[in-house]
Amino acid sequence: MPPPGEFAELQARIRECTPEEVPALLGQLEVLRATAWARLLAIRERTQVPERGSAPAHCLTMPRAAEQTGININTLREAGRRGQLPTVHIGRSVYVREESLERWVAARESKRP
């Protein structure tokens, strides 16, 4: 990130531009803006498609979720069917996001001393 002084210098140079130079300057600014947005959104990471048959990133199959938590798979499936446990449906496959599973389990923790 450029130091604040460089922005002030750029602003001063922009004020000195002639009206004919403004369209080119705006074009350059749009390129910088697009580059910054692309960096922020990490487009490359979002466009990677998982291999066929593999779970989406940060998702678990129901059998894997049951194995990981020690909770009966039928309990997890029923919670998903009732809408108590948010699930992701892709084709005939059902997945649960890791963070959704963690929140669901945490909400059921005993508060007893």
C-alpha atoms as a PDB file:
ATOM      1  CA  MET A   1       0.000   0.000   0.000  1.00  0.00           C
ATOM      2  CA  PRO A   2       1.487   3.350  -0.962  1.00  0.00           C
ATOM      3  CA  PRO A   3       2.104   5.819   1.858  1.00  0.00           C
ATOM      4  CA  PRO A   4      -0.551   8.556   2.270  1.00  0.00           C
ATOM      5  CA  GLY A   5       1.873  11.133   0.870  1.00  0.00           C
ATOM      6  CA  GLU A   6       1.849   9.360  -2.498  1.00  0.00           C
ATOM      7  CA  PHE A   7      -1.950   9.677  -2.695  1.00  0.00           C
ATOM      8  CA  ALA A   8      -1.667  13.405  -2.017  1.00  0.00           C
ATOM      9  CA  GLU A   9       0.918  13.664  -4.784  1.00  0.00           C
ATOM     10  CA  LEU A  10      -1.384  11.787  -7.182  1.00  0.00           C
ATOM     11  CA  GLN A  11      -4.283  14.076  -6.291  1.00  0.00           C
ATOM     12  CA  ALA A  12      -2.151  17.127  -7.039  1.00  0.00           C
ATOM     13  CA  ARG A  13      -1.089  15.670 -10.395  1.00  0.00           C
ATOM     14  CA  ILE A  14      -4.713  14.886 -11.261  1.00  0.00           C
ATOM     15  CA  ARG A  15      -5.717  18.492 -10.569  1.00  0.00           C
ATOM     16  CA  GLU A  16      -3.060  19.591 -13.059  1.00  0.00           C
ATOM     17  CA  CYS A  17      -4.341  17.326 -15.868  1.00  0.00           C
ATOM     18  CA  THR A  18      -5.805  18.907 -18.940  1.00  0.00           C
ATOM     19  CA  PRO A  19      -9.356  17.932 -19.905  1.00  0.00           C
ATOM     20  CA  GLU A  20      -7.922  15.907 -22.807  1.00  0.00           C
ATOM     21  CA  GLU A  21      -5.845  13.767 -20.404  1.00  0.00           C
ATOM     22  CA  VAL A  22      -8.783  12.931 -18.121  1.00  0.00           C
ATOM     23  CA  PRO A  23     -10.268  10.022 -20.178  1.00  0.00           C
ATOM     24  CA  ALA A  24      -6.902   8.214 -20.258  1.00  0.00           C
ATOM     25  CA  LEU A  25      -6.459   8.830 -16.546  1.00  0.00           C
ATOM     26  CA  LEU A  26      -9.933   7.450 -15.790  1.00  0.00           C
ATOM     27  CA  GLY A  27      -9.113   4.357 -17.864  1.00  0.00           C
ATOM     28  CA  GLN A  28      -5.967   3.765 -15.826  1.00  0.00           C
ATOM     29  CA  LEU A  29      -7.904   4.233 -12.593  1.00  0.00           C
ATOM     30  CA  GLU A  30     -10.507   1.671 -13.725  1.00  0.00           C
ATOM     31  CA  VAL A  31      -7.739  -0.861 -14.379  1.00  0.00           C
ATOM     32  CA  LEU A  32      -6.400  -0.270 -10.864  1.00  0.00           C
ATOM     33  CA  ARG A  33      -9.895  -0.537  -9.417  1.00  0.00           C
ATOM     34  CA  ALA A  34     -10.598  -3.813 -11.224  1.00  0.00           C
ATOM     35  CA  THR A  35      -7.265  -5.212 -10.070  1.00  0.00           C
ATOM     36  CA  ALA A  36      -8.033  -4.298  -6.465  1.00  0.00           C
ATOM     37  CA  TRP A  37     -11.500  -5.927  -6.624  1.00  0.00           C
ATOM     38  CA  ALA A  38     -10.076  -9.072  -8.197  1.00  0.00           C
ATOM     39  CA  ARG A  39      -7.547  -9.283  -5.401  1.00  0.00           C
ATOM     40  CA  LEU A  40     -10.217  -8.743  -2.781  1.00  0.00           C
ATOM     41  CA  LEU A  41     -12.558 -11.360  -4.188  1.00  0.00           C
ATOM     42  CA  ALA A  42      -9.800 -13.869  -5.011  1.00  0.00           C
ATOM     43  CA  ILE A  43     -11.552 -14.848  -8.223  1.00  0.00           C
ATOM     44  CA  ARG A  44      -9.098 -17.648  -8.944  1.00  0.00           C
ATOM     45  CA  GLU A  45     -10.040 -19.482  -5.736  1.00  0.00           C
ATOM     46  CA  ARG A  46     -13.774 -19.157  -6.355  1.00  0.00           C
ATOM     47  CA  THR A  47     -13.669 -20.606  -9.857  1.00  0.00           C
ATOM     48  CA  GLN A  48     -11.984 -23.881  -8.965  1.00  0.00           C
ATOM     49  CA  VAL A  49     -14.471 -26.695  -9.520  1.00  0.00           C
ATOM     50  CA  PRO A  50     -14.224 -29.698  -7.209  1.00  0.00           C
ATOM     51  CA  GLU A  51     -13.632 -33.078  -8.832  1.00  0.00           C
ATOM     52  CA  ARG A  52     -16.729 -35.113  -9.557  1.00  0.00           C
ATOM     53  CA  GLY A  53     -17.782 -37.084  -6.512  1.00  0.00           C
ATOM     54  CA  SER A  54     -15.807 -34.968  -4.039  1.00  0.00           C
ATOM     55  CA  ALA A  55     -17.440 -32.755  -1.432  1.00  0.00           C
ATOM     56  CA  PRO A  56     -17.392 -28.979  -1.964  1.00  0.00           C
ATOM     57  CA  ALA A  57     -14.777 -27.077   0.016  1.00  0.00           C
ATOM     58  CA  HIS A  58     -15.464 -26.949   3.767  1.00  0.00           C
ATOM     59  CA  CYS A  59     -18.314 -29.480   3.419  1.00  0.00           C
ATOM     60  CA  LEU A  60     -18.654 -32.981   4.781  1.00  0.00           C
ATOM     61  CA  THR A  61     -20.747 -35.880   3.568  1.00  0.00           C
ATOM     62  CA  MET A  62     -23.252 -37.086   6.143  1.00  0.00           C
ATOM     63  CA  PRO A  63     -21.268 -40.295   6.824  1.00  0.00           C
ATOM     64  CA  ARG A  64     -18.084 -38.234   7.324  1.00  0.00           C
ATOM     65  CA  ALA A  65     -19.930 -35.763   9.601  1.00  0.00           C
ATOM     66  CA  ALA A  66     -21.240 -38.669  11.673  1.00  0.00           C
ATOM     67  CA  GLU A  67     -17.778 -40.207  11.884  1.00  0.00           C
ATOM     68  CA  GLN A  68     -16.162 -36.900  12.824  1.00  0.00           C
ATOM     69  CA  THR A  69     -18.683 -36.007  15.553  1.00  0.00           C
ATOM     70  CA  GLY A  70     -19.611 -39.457  16.828  1.00  0.00           C
ATOM     71  CA  ILE A  71     -23.289 -38.590  16.269  1.00  0.00           C
ATOM     72  CA  ASN A  72     -25.487 -41.253  14.697  1.00  0.00           C
ATOM     73  CA  ILE A  73     -25.867 -40.645  10.962  1.00  0.00           C
ATOM     74  CA  ASN A  74     -29.660 -41.017  11.174  1.00  0.00           C
ATOM     75  CA  THR A  75     -29.762 -38.257  13.802  1.00  0.00           C
ATOM     76  CA  LEU A  76     -27.835 -35.947  11.468  1.00  0.00           C
ATOM     77  CA  ARG A  77     -29.984 -36.836   8.454  1.00  0.00           C
ATOM     78  CA  GLU A  78     -33.190 -36.252  10.412  1.00  0.00           C
ATOM     79  CA  ALA A  79     -31.920 -32.892  11.702  1.00  0.00           C
ATOM     80  CA  GLY A  80     -31.152 -31.969   8.084  1.00  0.00           C
ATOM     81  CA  ARG A  81     -34.610 -33.056   6.874  1.00  0.00           C
ATOM     82  CA  ARG A  82     -36.284 -31.014   9.632  1.00  0.00           C
ATOM     83  CA  GLY A  83     -34.226 -27.936   8.779  1.00  0.00           C
ATOM     84  CA  GLN A  84     -32.508 -27.919  12.159  1.00  0.00           C
ATOM     85  CA  LEU A  85     -29.116 -28.629  10.565  1.00  0.00           C
ATOM     86  CA  PRO A  86     -28.457 -26.587   7.402  1.00  0.00           C
ATOM     87  CA  THR A  87     -27.478 -28.847   4.501  1.00  0.00           C
ATOM     88  CA  VAL A  88     -26.180 -28.390   0.963  1.00  0.00           C
ATOM     89  CA  HIS A  89     -27.863 -30.456  -1.766  1.00  0.00           C
ATOM     90  CA  ILE A  90     -25.948 -31.105  -4.970  1.00  0.00           C
ATOM     91  CA  GLY A  91     -27.753 -33.569  -7.175  1.00  0.00           C
ATOM     92  CA  ARG A  92     -28.690 -36.485  -4.959  1.00  0.00           C
ATOM     93  CA  SER A  93     -25.799 -35.859  -2.566  1.00  0.00           C
ATOM     94  CA  VAL A  94     -26.300 -34.096   0.760  1.00  0.00           C
ATOM     95  CA  TYR A  95     -23.485 -32.253   2.496  1.00  0.00           C
ATOM     96  CA  VAL A  96     -23.162 -30.230   5.679  1.00  0.00           C
ATOM     97  CA  ARG A  97     -20.814 -27.278   6.006  1.00  0.00           C
ATOM     98  CA  GLU A  98     -18.238 -27.754   8.734  1.00  0.00           C
ATOM     99  CA  GLU A  99     -19.135 -24.437  10.397  1.00  0.00           C
ATOM    100  CA  SER A 100     -22.873 -25.280  10.313  1.00  0.00           C
ATOM    101  CA  LEU A 101     -22.170 -28.630  11.950  1.00  0.00           C
ATOM    102  CA  GLU A 102     -20.004 -26.982  14.623  1.00  0.00           C
ATOM    103  CA  ARG A 103     -22.729 -24.408  15.400  1.00  0.00           C
ATOM    104  CA  TRP A 104     -25.417 -27.115  15.510  1.00  0.00           C
ATOM    105  CA  VAL A 105     -23.376 -29.239  17.932  1.00  0.00           C
ATOM    106  CA  ALA A 106     -22.454 -26.198  20.079  1.00  0.00           C
ATOM    107  CA  ALA A 107     -26.126 -25.206  20.360  1.00  0.00           C
ATOM    108  CA  ARG A 108     -26.850 -28.626  21.844  1.00  0.00           C
ATOM    109  CA  GLU A 109     -24.064 -28.606  24.421  1.00  0.00           C
ATOM    110  CA  SER A 110     -25.228 -29.035  27.967  1.00  0.00           C
ATOM    111  CA  LYS A 111     -25.030 -25.862  30.060  1.00  0.00           C
ATOM    112  CA  ARG A 112     -25.092 -27.804  33.352  1.00  0.00           C
ATOM    113  CA  PRO A 113     -22.367 -27.056  35.934  1.00  0.00           C
END
